[in-house]
Amino acid sequence: MSLSKKDLLGKKEALLKQLGGLQKQLYNVEGAVMFIDLEIKKMKEQEVIDVGKSPRID
């Protein structure tokens, strides 16, 4: 079974569109991971601040 040049070009175009969609999804996932990392960093910094604040005993 042999594919024509037109069929191959059509398949190539479809795969390129699929690749573009996957790249967008990967970009979104990378952004979400970066956001989560920033939130974790903020939480760790807050823990350090909270630990540094000990109640005063007069």
Protein backbone atom coordinates (compact mmCIF):
# COMPACT_ATOMS: atom_id res chain seq x y z
CA MET A 1 0.00 0.00 0.00
CA SER A 2 1.53 3.23 -1.16
CA LEU A 3 0.54 6.72 -0.12
CA SER A 4 0.49 9.58 -2.56
CA LYS A 5 2.50 12.74 -2.08
CA LYS A 6 -0.77 14.57 -1.33
CA ASP A 7 -1.67 12.04 1.38
CA LEU A 8 1.77 12.32 2.95
CA LEU A 9 1.62 16.11 2.94
CA GLY A 10 -1.82 15.93 4.58
CA LYS A 11 -0.51 13.60 7.27
CA LYS A 12 2.49 15.87 7.83
CA GLU A 13 0.22 18.90 8.22
CA ALA A 14 -2.01 17.06 10.70
CA LEU A 15 1.01 15.96 12.74
CA LEU A 16 2.41 19.49 12.79
CA LYS A 17 -0.92 20.79 14.09
CA GLN A 18 -0.94 18.07 16.73
CA LEU A 19 2.63 18.97 17.70
CA GLY A 20 1.65 22.62 18.04
CA GLY A 21 -1.20 21.67 20.35
CA LEU A 22 1.08 19.51 22.46
CA GLN A 23 3.64 22.30 22.71
CA LYS A 24 0.92 24.64 24.01
CA GLN A 25 -0.14 22.06 26.58
CA LEU A 26 3.48 21.58 27.68
CA TYR A 27 3.88 25.34 28.02
CA ASN A 28 0.75 25.47 30.21
CA VAL A 29 2.00 22.60 32.37
CA GLU A 30 5.40 24.26 32.77
CA GLY A 31 3.67 27.47 33.83
CA ALA A 32 1.57 25.61 36.37
CA VAL A 33 4.66 23.92 37.82
CA MET A 34 6.45 27.27 38.09
CA PHE A 35 3.42 28.76 39.86
CA ILE A 36 3.30 25.87 42.34
CA ASP A 37 7.03 26.21 42.99
CA LEU A 38 6.57 29.92 43.76
CA GLU A 39 3.69 29.17 46.14
CA ILE A 40 5.77 26.54 47.94
CA LYS A 41 8.65 29.01 48.23
CA LYS A 42 6.29 31.62 49.73
CA MET A 43 4.99 29.07 52.23
CA LYS A 44 8.52 28.09 53.26
CA GLU A 45 9.48 31.74 53.69
CA GLN A 46 6.36 32.30 55.81
CA GLU A 47 7.27 29.29 57.98
CA VAL A 48 10.69 30.83 58.61
CA ILE A 49 9.07 34.13 59.55
CA ASP A 50 6.52 32.39 61.81
CA VAL A 51 9.23 30.34 63.52
CA GLY A 52 11.29 33.48 64.05
CA LYS A 53 8.36 35.13 65.87
CA SER A 54 8.37 33.58 69.28
CA PRO A 55 5.95 34.92 71.85
CA ARG A 56 7.50 37.36 74.29
CA ILE A 57 7.52 36.35 77.89
CA ASP A 58 7.60 39.38 80.15
